[in-house]
Amino acid sequence: MATTGWSSAWGPTGIDRIVNGLDEIIAADAEFRINGIQPVANPDGFRIDHQTIEPGILLQQDDLSIEAFIVNHGDIDPAYGFLK
């Protein structure tokens, strides 16, 4: 996944709706900062990249491994825990 923003969100189905909602919340401020009289150097810097995940190994690099697994989180289904 190519990163355009400063942060990434990994989550179950629906993470795109959450990230898009955050984009909408800050849209007016972002528009001002991107097109104002002192535009920001990186107009995509506020964006959050998102990746829908499934249970299993998400990242394995050198001696670091991150694994997502299903957890019970009440009405939220699916919900994940993470092991490092």
N, C-alpha and C. Protein backbone atom coordinates (compact mmCIF):
# COMPACT_ATOMS: atom_id res chain seq x y z
N MET A 1 0.85 -1.18 0.00
CA MET A 1 0.00 0.00 0.00
C MET A 1 0.89 1.23 0.00
N ALA A 2 0.67 2.12 -0.92
CA ALA A 2 1.42 3.38 -0.99
C ALA A 2 0.87 4.35 0.04
N THR A 3 1.75 5.03 0.74
CA THR A 3 1.32 5.98 1.75
C THR A 3 1.34 7.38 1.18
N THR A 4 0.21 8.07 1.28
CA THR A 4 0.14 9.46 0.84
C THR A 4 0.09 10.40 2.03
N GLY A 5 -0.42 9.93 3.14
CA GLY A 5 -0.58 10.77 4.31
C GLY A 5 0.41 10.46 5.39
N TRP A 6 0.16 10.97 6.56
CA TRP A 6 1.08 10.80 7.68
C TRP A 6 0.73 9.61 8.53
N SER A 7 -0.40 8.98 8.25
CA SER A 7 -0.85 7.90 9.11
C SER A 7 -1.60 6.85 8.31
N SER A 8 -1.62 5.66 8.86
CA SER A 8 -2.38 4.56 8.25
C SER A 8 -3.30 3.95 9.29
N ALA A 9 -4.48 3.56 8.85
CA ALA A 9 -5.45 2.88 9.72
C ALA A 9 -5.73 1.51 9.12
N TRP A 10 -5.53 0.48 9.91
CA TRP A 10 -5.84 -0.88 9.50
C TRP A 10 -7.03 -1.33 10.31
N GLY A 11 -8.02 -1.91 9.66
CA GLY A 11 -9.18 -2.36 10.39
C GLY A 11 -10.08 -3.25 9.56
N PRO A 12 -11.17 -3.71 10.19
CA PRO A 12 -12.10 -4.60 9.49
C PRO A 12 -12.91 -3.85 8.44
N THR A 13 -13.75 -4.58 7.75
CA THR A 13 -14.65 -3.97 6.78
C THR A 13 -15.33 -2.77 7.43
N GLY A 14 -15.34 -1.65 6.76
CA GLY A 14 -15.91 -0.42 7.29
C GLY A 14 -14.87 0.62 7.65
N ILE A 15 -13.59 0.23 7.69
CA ILE A 15 -12.54 1.19 8.04
C ILE A 15 -12.51 2.33 7.03
N ASP A 16 -12.86 2.04 5.79
CA ASP A 16 -12.89 3.10 4.77
C ASP A 16 -13.94 4.15 5.10
N ARG A 17 -15.08 3.75 5.63
CA ARG A 17 -16.12 4.71 6.01
C ARG A 17 -15.65 5.61 7.14
N ILE A 18 -14.92 5.04 8.09
CA ILE A 18 -14.40 5.83 9.21
C ILE A 18 -13.39 6.85 8.70
N VAL A 19 -12.44 6.41 7.89
CA VAL A 19 -11.40 7.31 7.38
C VAL A 19 -12.02 8.38 6.48
N ASN A 20 -12.96 8.00 5.62
CA ASN A 20 -13.62 8.99 4.76
C ASN A 20 -14.40 10.00 5.59
N GLY A 21 -14.99 9.54 6.70
CA GLY A 21 -15.70 10.45 7.60
C GLY A 21 -14.76 11.46 8.24
N LEU A 22 -13.57 11.00 8.62
CA LEU A 22 -12.57 11.92 9.17
C LEU A 22 -12.14 12.95 8.14
N ASP A 23 -11.96 12.50 6.88
CA ASP A 23 -11.63 13.44 5.80
C ASP A 23 -12.72 14.52 5.68
N GLU A 24 -13.97 14.11 5.77
CA GLU A 24 -15.08 15.05 5.66
C GLU A 24 -15.10 16.04 6.83
N ILE A 25 -14.79 15.55 8.02
CA ILE A 25 -14.78 16.41 9.21
C ILE A 25 -13.78 17.55 9.05
N ILE A 26 -12.62 17.26 8.48
CA ILE A 26 -11.60 18.30 8.38
C ILE A 26 -11.53 18.95 7.00
N ALA A 27 -12.53 18.69 6.15
CA ALA A 27 -12.51 19.19 4.77
C ALA A 27 -12.37 20.71 4.67
N ALA A 28 -13.13 21.46 5.47
CA ALA A 28 -13.08 22.92 5.40
C ALA A 28 -11.69 23.43 5.79
N ASP A 29 -11.12 22.90 6.87
CA ASP A 29 -9.80 23.31 7.30
C ASP A 29 -8.75 22.93 6.26
N ALA A 30 -8.85 21.72 5.71
CA ALA A 30 -7.90 21.26 4.70
C ALA A 30 -7.96 22.15 3.47
N GLU A 31 -9.15 22.51 3.03
CA GLU A 31 -9.32 23.37 1.85
C GLU A 31 -8.61 24.71 2.07
N PHE A 32 -8.79 25.29 3.25
CA PHE A 32 -8.14 26.56 3.58
C PHE A 32 -6.62 26.41 3.56
N ARG A 33 -6.14 25.34 4.16
CA ARG A 33 -4.68 25.15 4.24
C ARG A 33 -4.06 24.81 2.89
N ILE A 34 -4.78 24.10 2.05
CA ILE A 34 -4.25 23.73 0.74
C ILE A 34 -4.29 24.91 -0.23
N ASN A 35 -5.38 25.69 -0.20
CA ASN A 35 -5.58 26.75 -1.19
C ASN A 35 -5.49 28.16 -0.62
N GLY A 36 -5.07 28.28 0.63
CA GLY A 36 -4.98 29.60 1.27
C GLY A 36 -3.77 30.38 0.79
N ILE A 37 -3.54 31.51 1.44
CA ILE A 37 -2.43 32.39 1.01
C ILE A 37 -1.06 31.84 1.43
N GLN A 38 -1.05 30.86 2.33
CA GLN A 38 0.19 30.19 2.71
C GLN A 38 -0.01 28.68 2.58
N PRO A 39 -0.08 28.19 1.35
CA PRO A 39 -0.39 26.76 1.17
C PRO A 39 0.66 25.85 1.81
N VAL A 40 0.19 24.72 2.28
CA VAL A 40 1.07 23.73 2.89
C VAL A 40 1.96 23.07 1.83
N ALA A 41 3.10 22.58 2.25
CA ALA A 41 4.04 21.95 1.32
C ALA A 41 3.53 20.61 0.80
N ASN A 42 2.79 19.88 1.65
CA ASN A 42 2.28 18.57 1.27
C ASN A 42 0.77 18.57 1.40
N PRO A 43 0.04 18.85 0.34
CA PRO A 43 -1.42 18.95 0.44
C PRO A 43 -2.12 17.64 0.81
N ASP A 44 -1.45 16.52 0.68
CA ASP A 44 -2.04 15.24 1.08
C ASP A 44 -1.57 14.79 2.46
N GLY A 45 -0.79 15.61 3.13
CA GLY A 45 -0.18 15.24 4.39
C GLY A 45 -1.16 14.96 5.51
N PHE A 46 -2.38 15.47 5.42
CA PHE A 46 -3.37 15.26 6.48
C PHE A 46 -4.18 13.98 6.26
N ARG A 47 -4.06 13.40 5.11
CA ARG A 47 -4.87 12.24 4.77
C ARG A 47 -4.41 10.99 5.54
N ILE A 48 -5.37 10.13 5.81
CA ILE A 48 -5.09 8.85 6.46
C ILE A 48 -5.33 7.75 5.45
N ASP A 49 -4.31 6.95 5.20
CA ASP A 49 -4.47 5.79 4.33
C ASP A 49 -5.19 4.71 5.12
N HIS A 50 -5.92 3.86 4.42
CA HIS A 50 -6.62 2.79 5.12
C HIS A 50 -6.48 1.48 4.38
N GLN A 51 -6.51 0.42 5.15
CA GLN A 51 -6.38 -0.93 4.61
C GLN A 51 -7.34 -1.84 5.36
N THR A 52 -8.25 -2.48 4.62
CA THR A 52 -9.14 -3.47 5.23
C THR A 52 -8.32 -4.74 5.45
N ILE A 53 -8.44 -5.30 6.65
CA ILE A 53 -7.63 -6.46 7.00
C ILE A 53 -8.49 -7.66 7.35
N GLU A 54 -7.88 -8.80 7.37
CA GLU A 54 -8.45 -10.07 7.81
C GLU A 54 -7.53 -10.61 8.90
N PRO A 55 -8.00 -11.57 9.69
CA PRO A 55 -7.12 -12.16 10.70
C PRO A 55 -5.87 -12.78 10.06
N GLY A 56 -4.77 -12.69 10.76
CA GLY A 56 -3.52 -13.28 10.28
C GLY A 56 -2.36 -12.31 10.42
N ILE A 57 -1.23 -12.68 9.86
CA ILE A 57 -0.02 -11.86 9.91
C ILE A 57 -0.21 -10.66 8.98
N LEU A 58 -0.08 -9.47 9.54
CA LEU A 58 -0.23 -8.23 8.76
C LEU A 58 1.10 -7.68 8.30
N LEU A 59 2.11 -7.87 9.12
CA LEU A 59 3.43 -7.33 8.81
C LEU A 59 4.48 -8.26 9.38
N GLN A 60 5.46 -8.56 8.58
CA GLN A 60 6.60 -9.34 9.05
C GLN A 60 7.84 -8.72 8.43
N GLN A 61 8.67 -8.13 9.30
CA GLN A 61 9.85 -7.44 8.83
C GLN A 61 10.96 -7.65 9.86
N ASP A 62 12.03 -8.25 9.42
CA ASP A 62 13.15 -8.59 10.30
C ASP A 62 12.61 -9.38 11.50
N ASP A 63 12.79 -8.88 12.72
CA ASP A 63 12.31 -9.61 13.90
C ASP A 63 10.96 -9.07 14.40
N LEU A 64 10.28 -8.27 13.60
CA LEU A 64 8.97 -7.73 13.97
C LEU A 64 7.87 -8.44 13.19
N SER A 65 6.87 -8.90 13.92
CA SER A 65 5.71 -9.54 13.30
C SER A 65 4.46 -9.00 13.99
N ILE A 66 3.48 -8.55 13.22
CA ILE A 66 2.22 -8.07 13.77
C ILE A 66 1.10 -8.95 13.24
N GLU A 67 0.32 -9.50 14.17
CA GLU A 67 -0.75 -10.43 13.82
C GLU A 67 -2.09 -9.90 14.34
N ALA A 68 -3.12 -9.95 13.49
CA ALA A 68 -4.48 -9.59 13.88
C ALA A 68 -5.25 -10.86 14.19
N PHE A 69 -6.06 -10.81 15.26
CA PHE A 69 -6.89 -11.96 15.61
C PHE A 69 -8.25 -11.46 16.09
N ILE A 70 -9.26 -12.28 15.91
CA ILE A 70 -10.64 -11.94 16.28
C ILE A 70 -10.77 -11.89 17.81
N VAL A 71 -11.45 -10.84 18.31
CA VAL A 71 -11.75 -10.72 19.73
C VAL A 71 -13.24 -10.44 19.90
N ASN A 72 -13.77 -10.74 21.08
CA ASN A 72 -15.15 -10.44 21.41
C ASN A 72 -15.23 -8.98 21.85
N HIS A 73 -16.01 -8.18 21.13
CA HIS A 73 -16.12 -6.76 21.43
C HIS A 73 -17.60 -6.36 21.40
N GLY A 74 -18.43 -7.18 22.05
CA GLY A 74 -19.87 -6.89 22.10
C GLY A 74 -20.49 -6.94 20.72
N ASP A 75 -21.21 -5.87 20.38
CA ASP A 75 -21.92 -5.81 19.10
C ASP A 75 -21.02 -5.51 17.90
N ILE A 76 -19.78 -5.15 18.15
CA ILE A 76 -18.87 -4.84 17.05
C ILE A 76 -18.31 -6.15 16.51
N ASP A 77 -18.61 -6.43 15.26
CA ASP A 77 -18.20 -7.68 14.65
C ASP A 77 -17.89 -7.46 13.18
N PRO A 78 -16.69 -7.72 12.73
CA PRO A 78 -15.61 -8.29 13.51
C PRO A 78 -14.84 -7.20 14.28
N ALA A 79 -14.16 -7.63 15.31
CA ALA A 79 -13.24 -6.77 16.05
C ALA A 79 -11.93 -7.53 16.18
N TYR A 80 -10.84 -6.81 16.12
CA TYR A 80 -9.52 -7.44 16.14
C TYR A 80 -8.69 -7.00 17.33
N GLY A 81 -7.88 -7.92 17.81
CA GLY A 81 -6.78 -7.63 18.72
C GLY A 81 -5.51 -7.79 17.90
N PHE A 82 -4.44 -7.27 18.43
CA PHE A 82 -3.16 -7.34 17.70
C PHE A 82 -2.06 -7.84 18.62
N LEU A 83 -1.20 -8.69 18.08
CA LEU A 83 -0.04 -9.19 18.79
C LEU A 83 1.21 -8.71 18.06
N LYS A 84 2.17 -8.32 18.83
CA LYS A 84 3.45 -7.88 18.25
C LYS A 84 4.49 -8.91 18.61
